C-alpha atoms as a PDB file:
ATOM      1  CA  MET A   1    -197.229  74.670 -82.756  1.00  0.00           C
ATOM      2  CA  LYS A   2    -197.832  74.546 -79.009  1.00  0.00           C
ATOM      3  CA  SER A   3    -201.391  74.714 -77.806  1.00  0.00           C
ATOM      4  CA  ALA A   4    -202.784  77.488 -75.624  1.00  0.00           C
ATOM      5  CA  ASP A   5    -203.189  74.923 -72.849  1.00  0.00           C
ATOM      6  CA  SER A   6    -199.479  74.135 -72.890  1.00  0.00           C
ATOM      7  CA  LYS A   7    -198.639  77.836 -72.559  1.00  0.00           C
ATOM      8  CA  ILE A   8    -200.958  78.135 -69.594  1.00  0.00           C
ATOM      9  CA  ALA A   9    -199.465  75.044 -68.001  1.00  0.00           C
ATOM     10  CA  LYS A  10    -195.959  76.433 -68.424  1.00  0.00           C
ATOM     11  CA  SER A  11    -196.905  79.613 -66.593  1.00  0.00           C
ATOM     12  CA  ASP A  12    -198.645  77.734 -63.771  1.00  0.00           C
ATOM     13  CA  PRO A  13    -196.363  78.137 -60.702  1.00  0.00           C
ATOM     14  CA  ARG A  14    -197.779  74.996 -59.091  1.00  0.00           C
ATOM     15  CA  LEU A  15    -196.934  72.853 -62.121  1.00  0.00           C
ATOM     16  CA  GLU A  16    -193.483  74.380 -62.419  1.00  0.00           C
ATOM     17  CA  GLU A  17    -192.758  73.797 -58.728  1.00  0.00           C
ATOM     18  CA  THR A  18    -194.132  70.254 -58.933  1.00  0.00           C
ATOM     19  CA  SER A  19    -191.697  69.555 -61.759  1.00  0.00           C
ATOM     20  CA  LYS A  20    -188.831  70.946 -59.678  1.00  0.00           C
ATOM     21  CA  MET A  21    -189.881  68.827 -56.702  1.00  0.00           C
ATOM     22  CA  LEU A  22    -189.888  65.673 -58.812  1.00  0.00           C
ATOM     23  CA  GLU A  23    -186.423  66.510 -60.144  1.00  0.00           C
ATOM     24  CA  ARG A  24    -185.077  67.049 -56.618  1.00  0.00           C
ATOM     25  CA  LEU A  25    -186.743  63.848 -55.488  1.00  0.00           C
ATOM     26  CA  GLN A  26    -185.129  61.806 -58.245  1.00  0.00           C
ATOM     27  CA  GLU A  27    -181.736  63.358 -57.497  1.00  0.00           C
ATOM     28  CA  ALA A  28    -182.117  62.414 -53.837  1.00  0.00           C
ATOM     29  CA  LEU A  29    -183.074  58.843 -54.700  1.00  0.00           C
ATOM     30  CA  GLU A  30    -179.945  58.489 -56.854  1.00  0.00           C
ATOM     31  CA  ASN A  31    -177.604  59.751 -54.120  1.00  0.00           C
ATOM     32  CA  PRO A  32    -176.635  56.883 -51.738  1.00  0.00           C
ATOM     33  CA  ASP A  33    -175.726  59.213 -48.844  1.00  0.00           C
ATOM     34  CA  THR A  34    -178.943  61.186 -49.140  1.00  0.00           C
ATOM     35  CA  LEU A  35    -180.999  58.014 -49.513  1.00  0.00           C
ATOM     36  CA  GLU A  36    -179.498  56.600 -46.333  1.00  0.00           C
ATOM     37  CA  LYS A  37    -180.483  59.743 -44.427  1.00  0.00           C
ATOM     38  CA  ILE A  38    -183.990  59.662 -45.885  1.00  0.00           C
ATOM     39  CA  GLU A  39    -184.460  56.061 -44.781  1.00  0.00           C
ATOM     40  CA  SER A  40    -183.205  56.874 -41.292  1.00  0.00           C
ATOM     41  CA  ASP A  41    -185.530  59.901 -40.970  1.00  0.00           C
ATOM     42  CA  PHE A  42    -188.570  57.976 -42.236  1.00  0.00           C
ATOM     43  CA  THR A  43    -188.087  54.890 -40.070  1.00  0.00           C
ATOM     44  CA  THR A  44    -187.302  56.945 -36.944  1.00  0.00           C
ATOM     45  CA  THR A  45    -190.460  58.994 -37.468  1.00  0.00           C
ATOM     46  CA  PHE A  46    -192.584  55.880 -37.971  1.00  0.00           C
ATOM     47  CA  GLU A  47    -191.185  54.303 -34.827  1.00  0.00           C
ATOM     48  CA  GLU A  48    -191.945  57.452 -32.826  1.00  0.00           C
ATOM     49  CA  LEU A  49    -195.508  57.292 -34.150  1.00  0.00           C
ATOM     50  CA  GLY A  50    -195.908  53.782 -32.760  1.00  0.00           C
ATOM     51  CA  LEU A  51    -194.607  51.248 -35.304  1.00  0.00           C
ATOM     52  CA  GLU A  52    -192.233  48.420 -34.512  1.00  0.00           C
ATOM     53  CA  SER A  53    -188.783  48.754 -36.054  1.00  0.00           C
ATOM     54  CA  ALA A  54    -189.285  45.983 -38.638  1.00  0.00           C
ATOM     55  CA  GLN A  55    -192.700  47.363 -39.629  1.00  0.00           C
ATOM     56  CA  ALA A  56    -191.262  50.877 -39.969  1.00  0.00           C
ATOM     57  CA  SER A  57    -188.499  49.553 -42.228  1.00  0.00           C
ATOM     58  CA  ARG A  58    -190.967  47.660 -44.450  1.00  0.00           C
ATOM     59  CA  LEU A  59    -193.163  50.736 -44.761  1.00  0.00           C
ATOM     60  CA  TYR A  60    -190.201  52.861 -45.793  1.00  0.00           C
ATOM     61  CA  LYS A  61    -189.305  50.359 -48.535  1.00  0.00           C
ATOM     62  CA  GLU A  62    -192.866  50.516 -49.876  1.00  0.00           C
ATOM     63  CA  ILE A  63    -192.735  54.312 -49.881  1.00  0.00           C
ATOM     64  CA  GLU A  64    -189.366  54.353 -51.625  1.00  0.00           C
ATOM     65  CA  GLN A  65    -190.730  52.020 -54.299  1.00  0.00           C
ATOM     66  CA  THR A  66    -193.683  54.375 -54.784  1.00  0.00           C
ATOM     67  CA  LEU A  67    -191.343  57.370 -55.051  1.00  0.00           C
ATOM     68  CA  ARG A  68    -189.424  55.561 -57.796  1.00  0.00           C
ATOM     69  CA  SER A  69    -192.569  54.718 -59.773  1.00  0.00           C
ATOM     70  CA  GLY A  70    -192.193  57.576 -62.240  1.00  0.00           C
ATOM     71  CA  GLU A  71    -195.792  58.693 -61.717  1.00  0.00           C
ATOM     72  CA  ASP A  72    -196.749  62.324 -61.243  1.00  0.00           C
ATOM     73  CA  LEU A  73    -196.522  63.879 -57.799  1.00  0.00           C
ATOM     74  CA  ASP A  74    -200.251  63.867 -57.039  1.00  0.00           C
ATOM     75  CA  GLU A  75    -200.475  60.127 -57.763  1.00  0.00           C
ATOM     76  CA  ILE A  76    -197.403  59.432 -55.643  1.00  0.00           C
ATOM     77  CA  GLU A  77    -198.799  61.447 -52.729  1.00  0.00           C
ATOM     78  CA  GLY A  78    -202.153  59.680 -53.013  1.00  0.00           C
ATOM     79  CA  LYS A  79    -200.587  56.220 -52.942  1.00  0.00           C
ATOM     80  CA  ILE A  80    -198.386  57.081 -49.962  1.00  0.00           C
ATOM     81  CA  PHE A  81    -201.419  58.467 -48.131  1.00  0.00           C
ATOM     82  CA  ASP A  82    -203.261  55.194 -48.748  1.00  0.00           C
ATOM     83  CA  LEU A  83    -200.271  53.232 -47.427  1.00  0.00           C
ATOM     84  CA  LEU A  84    -200.221  55.241 -44.202  1.00  0.00           C
ATOM     85  CA  GLN A  85    -203.984  55.129 -43.771  1.00  0.00           C
ATOM     86  CA  ASN A  86    -204.036  51.338 -44.012  1.00  0.00           C
ATOM     87  CA  ILE A  87    -201.578  50.828 -41.153  1.00  0.00           C
ATOM     88  CA  GLU A  88    -203.204  50.514 -37.744  1.00  0.00           C
ATOM     89  CA  ILE A  89    -201.435  51.257 -34.495  1.00  0.00           C
ATOM     90  CA  GLU A  90    -202.468  51.156 -30.848  1.00  0.00           C
ATOM     91  CA  ARG A  91    -204.353  47.879 -31.417  1.00  0.00           C
ATOM     92  CA  GLY A  92    -206.558  49.257 -34.159  1.00  0.00           C
ATOM     93  CA  ARG A  93    -207.654  52.372 -32.319  1.00  0.00           C
ATOM     94  CA  LYS A  94    -205.820  54.671 -34.727  1.00  0.00           C
ATOM     95  CA  ASN A  95    -204.215  54.504 -38.155  1.00  0.00           C
ATOM     96  CA  LEU A  96    -200.860  56.037 -39.013  1.00  0.00           C
ATOM     97  CA  VAL A  97    -202.405  59.082 -40.701  1.00  0.00           C
ATOM     98  CA  GLU A  98    -204.429  59.867 -37.574  1.00  0.00           C
ATOM     99  CA  SER A  99    -201.349  59.427 -35.406  1.00  0.00           C
ATOM    100  CA  LEU A 100    -199.343  61.708 -37.679  1.00  0.00           C
ATOM    101  CA  ASN A 101    -202.085  64.350 -37.685  1.00  0.00           C
ATOM    102  CA  GLN A 102    -202.191  64.285 -33.887  1.00  0.00           C
ATOM    103  CA  ALA A 103    -198.422  64.737 -33.706  1.00  0.00           C
ATOM    104  CA  LEU A 104    -198.564  67.639 -36.174  1.00  0.00           C
ATOM    105  CA  ALA A 105    -201.388  69.300 -34.216  1.00  0.00           C
ATOM    106  CA  GLU A 106    -199.304  69.095 -31.029  1.00  0.00           C
ATOM    107  CA  ARG A 107    -196.338  70.518 -32.930  1.00  0.00           C
ATOM    108  CA  ALA A 108    -198.474  73.427 -34.176  1.00  0.00           C
ATOM    109  CA  GLU A 109    -199.541  74.171 -30.592  1.00  0.00           C
ATOM    110  CA  THR A 110    -195.904  74.225 -29.477  1.00  0.00           C
ATOM    111  CA  ILE A 111    -194.880  76.543 -32.312  1.00  0.00           C
ATOM    112  CA  PHE A 112    -197.833  78.830 -31.581  1.00  0.00           C
ATOM    113  CA  GLU A 113    -196.731  79.131 -27.955  1.00  0.00           C
ATOM    114  CA  GLN A 114    -193.225  80.065 -29.113  1.00  0.00           C
ATOM    115  CA  VAL A 115    -194.323  82.590 -31.746  1.00  0.00           C
ATOM    116  CA  SER A 116    -197.361  84.258 -30.161  1.00  0.00           C
ATOM    117  CA  PRO A 117    -195.441  86.478 -27.684  1.00  0.00           C
ATOM    118  CA  TYR A 118    -193.803  88.251 -30.630  1.00  0.00           C
ATOM    119  CA  LEU A 119    -197.179  88.994 -32.181  1.00  0.00           C
ATOM    120  CA  LYS A 120    -198.725  90.770 -29.204  1.00  0.00           C
ATOM    121  CA  GLY A 121    -199.844  94.247 -30.149  1.00  0.00           C
ATOM    122  CA  ILE A 122    -199.883  93.513 -33.868  1.00  0.00           C
ATOM    123  CA  GLU A 123    -202.842  95.248 -35.513  1.00  0.00           C
ATOM    124  CA  GLY A 124    -201.921  94.961 -39.186  1.00  0.00           C
ATOM    125  CA  ARG A 125    -201.702  91.985 -41.505  1.00  0.00           C
ATOM    126  CA  VAL A 126    -199.284  89.130 -40.837  1.00  0.00           C
ATOM    127  CA  LEU A 127    -197.707  86.723 -43.333  1.00  0.00           C
ATOM    128  CA  ASP A 128    -196.902  83.088 -42.577  1.00  0.00           C
ATOM    129  CA  PHE A 129    -194.232  82.468 -45.230  1.00  0.00           C
ATOM    130  CA  GLY A 130    -194.079  78.743 -45.981  1.00  0.00           C
ATOM    131  CA  ALA A 131    -197.354  78.094 -44.168  1.00  0.00           C
ATOM    132  CA  GLY A 132    -197.477  74.336 -44.839  1.00  0.00           C
ATOM    133  CA  ASP A 133    -200.638  72.797 -43.433  1.00  0.00           C
ATOM    134  CA  GLY A 134    -201.767  76.190 -42.112  1.00  0.00           C
ATOM    135  CA  GLU A 135    -202.356  74.980 -38.553  1.00  0.00           C
ATOM    136  CA  VAL A 136    -200.032  77.536 -36.923  1.00  0.00           C
ATOM    137  CA  ALA A 137    -201.604  80.407 -38.870  1.00  0.00           C
ATOM    138  CA  GLU A 138    -205.066  79.126 -37.958  1.00  0.00           C
ATOM    139  CA  LEU A 139    -204.160  79.152 -34.257  1.00  0.00           C
ATOM    140  CA  ILE A 140    -202.823  82.709 -34.563  1.00  0.00           C
ATOM    141  CA  LYS A 141    -206.076  83.781 -36.232  1.00  0.00           C
ATOM    142  CA  ASP A 142    -208.363  82.002 -33.771  1.00  0.00           C
ATOM    143  CA  GLU A 143    -206.488  82.638 -30.524  1.00  0.00           C
ATOM    144  CA  MET A 144    -205.209  86.166 -31.192  1.00  0.00           C
ATOM    145  CA  GLY A 145    -207.711  87.579 -33.681  1.00  0.00           C
ATOM    146  CA  ILE A 146    -204.908  88.543 -36.062  1.00  0.00           C
ATOM    147  CA  ALA A 147    -205.467  88.988 -39.807  1.00  0.00           C
ATOM    148  CA  ILE A 148    -202.992  86.432 -41.124  1.00  0.00           C
ATOM    149  CA  GLU A 149    -202.491  84.759 -44.471  1.00  0.00           C
ATOM    150  CA  GLY A 150    -200.045  82.159 -45.692  1.00  0.00           C
ATOM    151  CA  ALA A 151    -197.785  81.777 -48.706  1.00  0.00           C
ATOM    152  CA  ASP A 152    -196.435  78.518 -50.093  1.00  0.00           C
ATOM    153  CA  ILE A 153    -195.555  76.744 -53.322  1.00  0.00           C
ATOM    154  CA  ARG A 154    -198.620  74.495 -53.010  1.00  0.00           C
ATOM    155  CA  ASP A 155    -201.834  74.521 -51.012  1.00  0.00           C
ATOM    156  CA  TYR A 156    -201.072  72.055 -48.211  1.00  0.00           C
ATOM    157  CA  ARG A 157    -203.849  73.251 -45.885  1.00  0.00           C
ATOM    158  CA  ASN A 158    -205.471  70.692 -43.629  1.00  0.00           C
ATOM    159  CA  ASN A 159    -209.232  70.288 -43.564  1.00  0.00           C
ATOM    160  CA  GLY A 160    -210.758  72.985 -41.391  1.00  0.00           C
ATOM    161  CA  VAL A 161    -208.008  75.551 -42.005  1.00  0.00           C
ATOM    162  CA  SER A 162    -209.636  78.751 -43.281  1.00  0.00           C
ATOM    163  CA  VAL A 163    -206.572  81.008 -43.444  1.00  0.00           C
ATOM    164  CA  PRO A 164    -206.068  82.061 -47.102  1.00  0.00           C
ATOM    165  CA  ILE A 165    -202.933  80.832 -48.889  1.00  0.00           C
ATOM    166  CA  LYS A 166    -201.091  82.668 -51.653  1.00  0.00           C
ATOM    167  CA  ILE A 167    -199.527  80.254 -54.154  1.00  0.00           C
ATOM    168  CA  PHE A 168    -196.195  81.463 -55.540  1.00  0.00           C
ATOM    169  CA  ASP A 169    -193.163  80.126 -57.398  1.00  0.00           C
ATOM    170  CA  GLY A 170    -190.853  79.770 -54.392  1.00  0.00           C
ATOM    171  CA  GLU A 171    -188.926  82.934 -55.194  1.00  0.00           C
ATOM    172  CA  HIS A 172    -191.239  85.864 -55.955  1.00  0.00           C
ATOM    173  CA  LEU A 173    -194.175  86.826 -53.744  1.00  0.00           C
ATOM    174  CA  ASP A 174    -196.275  89.356 -55.647  1.00  0.00           C
ATOM    175  CA  VAL A 175    -197.346  91.796 -52.918  1.00  0.00           C
ATOM    176  CA  PRO A 176    -196.619  95.542 -52.559  1.00  0.00           C
ATOM    177  CA  ASP A 177    -193.956  96.713 -50.127  1.00  0.00           C
ATOM    178  CA  GLY A 178    -195.377  97.465 -46.705  1.00  0.00           C
ATOM    179  CA  THR A 179    -198.226  94.971 -47.069  1.00  0.00           C
ATOM    180  CA  TYR A 180    -197.575  93.230 -43.752  1.00  0.00           C
ATOM    181  CA  GLN A 181    -196.811  94.459 -40.277  1.00  0.00           C
ATOM    182  CA  ALA A 182    -195.031  91.210 -39.402  1.00  0.00           C
ATOM    183  CA  ALA A 183    -194.032  87.879 -40.915  1.00  0.00           C
ATOM    184  CA  ILE A 184    -193.194  84.464 -39.526  1.00  0.00           C
ATOM    185  CA  VAL A 185    -190.897  81.977 -41.248  1.00  0.00           C
ATOM    186  CA  ILE A 186    -190.944  78.576 -39.546  1.00  0.00           C
ATOM    187  CA  ASN A 187    -189.023  75.494 -40.703  1.00  0.00           C
ATOM    188  CA  VAL A 188    -188.475  76.998 -44.153  1.00  0.00           C
ATOM    189  CA  LEU A 189    -184.913  78.252 -44.615  1.00  0.00           C
ATOM    190  CA  HIS A 190    -183.317  74.805 -44.345  1.00  0.00           C
ATOM    191  CA  HIS A 191    -185.065  73.829 -47.596  1.00  0.00           C
ATOM    192  CA  GLU A 192    -182.746  76.156 -49.531  1.00  0.00           C
ATOM    193  CA  VAL A 193    -179.093  75.121 -49.811  1.00  0.00           C
ATOM    194  CA  ASP A 194    -177.984  78.410 -51.399  1.00  0.00           C
ATOM    195  CA  ASN A 195    -177.083  80.851 -48.596  1.00  0.00           C
ATOM    196  CA  GLU A 196    -177.090  83.790 -51.011  1.00  0.00           C
ATOM    197  CA  LYS A 197    -180.702  83.034 -51.936  1.00  0.00           C
ATOM    198  CA  ILE A 198    -181.598  82.916 -48.225  1.00  0.00           C
ATOM    199  CA  SER A 199    -180.045  86.357 -47.715  1.00  0.00           C
ATOM    200  CA  LEU A 200    -181.920  87.793 -50.702  1.00  0.00           C
ATOM    201  CA  PHE A 201    -185.122  86.155 -49.483  1.00  0.00           C
ATOM    202  CA  GLU A 202    -184.800  87.849 -46.075  1.00  0.00           C
ATOM    203  CA  GLU A 203    -184.264  91.231 -47.732  1.00  0.00           C
ATOM    204  CA  LYS A 204    -187.311  90.843 -49.966  1.00  0.00           C
ATOM    205  CA  LEU A 205    -189.481  89.633 -47.110  1.00  0.00           C
ATOM    206  CA  LEU A 206    -188.498  92.525 -44.878  1.00  0.00           C
ATOM    207  CA  GLU A 207    -189.508  94.914 -47.648  1.00  0.00           C
ATOM    208  CA  THR A 208    -193.084  93.649 -47.351  1.00  0.00           C
ATOM    209  CA  ILE A 209    -193.153  94.493 -43.633  1.00  0.00           C
ATOM    210  CA  LYS A 210    -193.928  97.944 -42.285  1.00  0.00           C
ATOM    211  CA  VAL A 211    -193.254  98.918 -38.687  1.00  0.00           C
ATOM    212  CA  LYS A 212    -195.381 101.706 -37.279  1.00  0.00           C
ATOM    213  CA  GLY A 213    -196.208 102.911 -40.764  1.00  0.00           C
ATOM    214  CA  LYS A 214    -192.614 102.792 -41.998  1.00  0.00           C
ATOM    215  CA  LYS A 215    -191.120 100.464 -44.568  1.00  0.00           C
ATOM    216  CA  TRP A 216    -187.952  98.615 -43.634  1.00  0.00           C
ATOM    217  CA  SER A 217    -185.441  96.432 -45.429  1.00  0.00           C
ATOM    218  CA  SER A 218    -182.578  94.374 -44.001  1.00  0.00           C
ATOM    219  CA  ARG A 219    -180.280  97.324 -44.722  1.00  0.00           C
ATOM    220  CA  VAL A 220    -182.079  99.817 -42.458  1.00  0.00           C
ATOM    221  CA  GLU A 221    -179.220  99.760 -39.956  1.00  0.00           C
ATOM    222  CA  LYS A 222    -177.359 102.052 -42.403  1.00  0.00           C
ATOM    223  CA  SER A 223    -179.945 104.774 -41.915  1.00  0.00           C
ATOM    224  CA  LYS A 224    -178.917 107.785 -39.793  1.00  0.00           C
ATOM    225  CA  GLU A 225    -182.552 108.417 -38.844  1.00  0.00           C
ATOM    226  CA  LEU A 226    -183.135 105.379 -36.636  1.00  0.00           C
ATOM    227  CA  LYS A 227    -184.003 106.053 -33.020  1.00  0.00           C
ATOM    228  CA  ASP A 228    -183.449 103.584 -30.187  1.00  0.00           C
ATOM    229  CA  GLU A 229    -187.127 102.604 -30.138  1.00  0.00           C
ATOM    230  CA  ASP A 230    -187.016 102.039 -33.905  1.00  0.00           C
ATOM    231  CA  VAL A 231    -184.046  99.709 -33.570  1.00  0.00           C
ATOM    232  CA  LYS A 232    -185.785  97.738 -30.831  1.00  0.00           C
ATOM    233  CA  GLU A 233    -188.928  97.478 -32.934  1.00  0.00           C
ATOM    234  CA  LEU A 234    -186.938  96.283 -35.946  1.00  0.00           C
ATOM    235  CA  GLU A 235    -184.993  93.720 -33.892  1.00  0.00           C
ATOM    236  CA  LYS A 236    -188.320  92.341 -32.700  1.00  0.00           C
ATOM    237  CA  PHE A 237    -189.417  91.627 -36.259  1.00  0.00           C
ATOM    238  CA  VAL A 238    -186.045  90.322 -37.414  1.00  0.00           C
ATOM    239  CA  LYS A 239    -186.185  87.869 -34.521  1.00  0.00           C
ATOM    240  CA  LEU A 240    -189.778  87.062 -35.404  1.00  0.00           C
ATOM    241  CA  ILE A 241    -189.071  86.086 -38.993  1.00  0.00           C
ATOM    242  CA  THR A 242    -186.077  83.949 -38.057  1.00  0.00           C
ATOM    243  CA  VAL A 243    -187.795  81.886 -35.338  1.00  0.00           C
END
């Protein structure tokens, strides 16, 4: 007989998604073409953060070995974090984690500048779908005074990020239709290889958005009741969620 704890664990979306992530990770490590691309991406990133080419290559090998350790995801992440934190760049003035955090903060600023024009005039709630570290949502909250919350498969928020995060299973976000006036989806869709799932995701997300008190889905263009201003308003939000 299975224990009550095991039933709870099975229904825990974070544990289920962690298991999926480990499976995908192992599949990637067993695919030579994918592994070659991973190594290239890692070493290029490390070099851009300030490491010499040989040092970047050695660090990648250590990370790959850690990924192959068979440990659970939290332990793997912790060990990789320690590896990055112990590498000094700029003659000891900064470690690799600090350099990475600085680069991510600059990236969040750039994304905020790109997204914020579409959010002008928004008075209702906004969803950052796939919020990641939460830095973009935090900027939107602080700089624009917008009521925003994030959704992701895990809580990746950086220290100091106060925007609330909804944890979900990667497919079903449990909120009523019309909950949000707008949504942003940034660097998310490329994580899903199934185009049909992406299409369904866009439909479901649009159902959570209401424009001027109305509820829209991606099929609203079939409606005979749309006025020119309604179409323009809808196009604004379709563009917003596909930034």
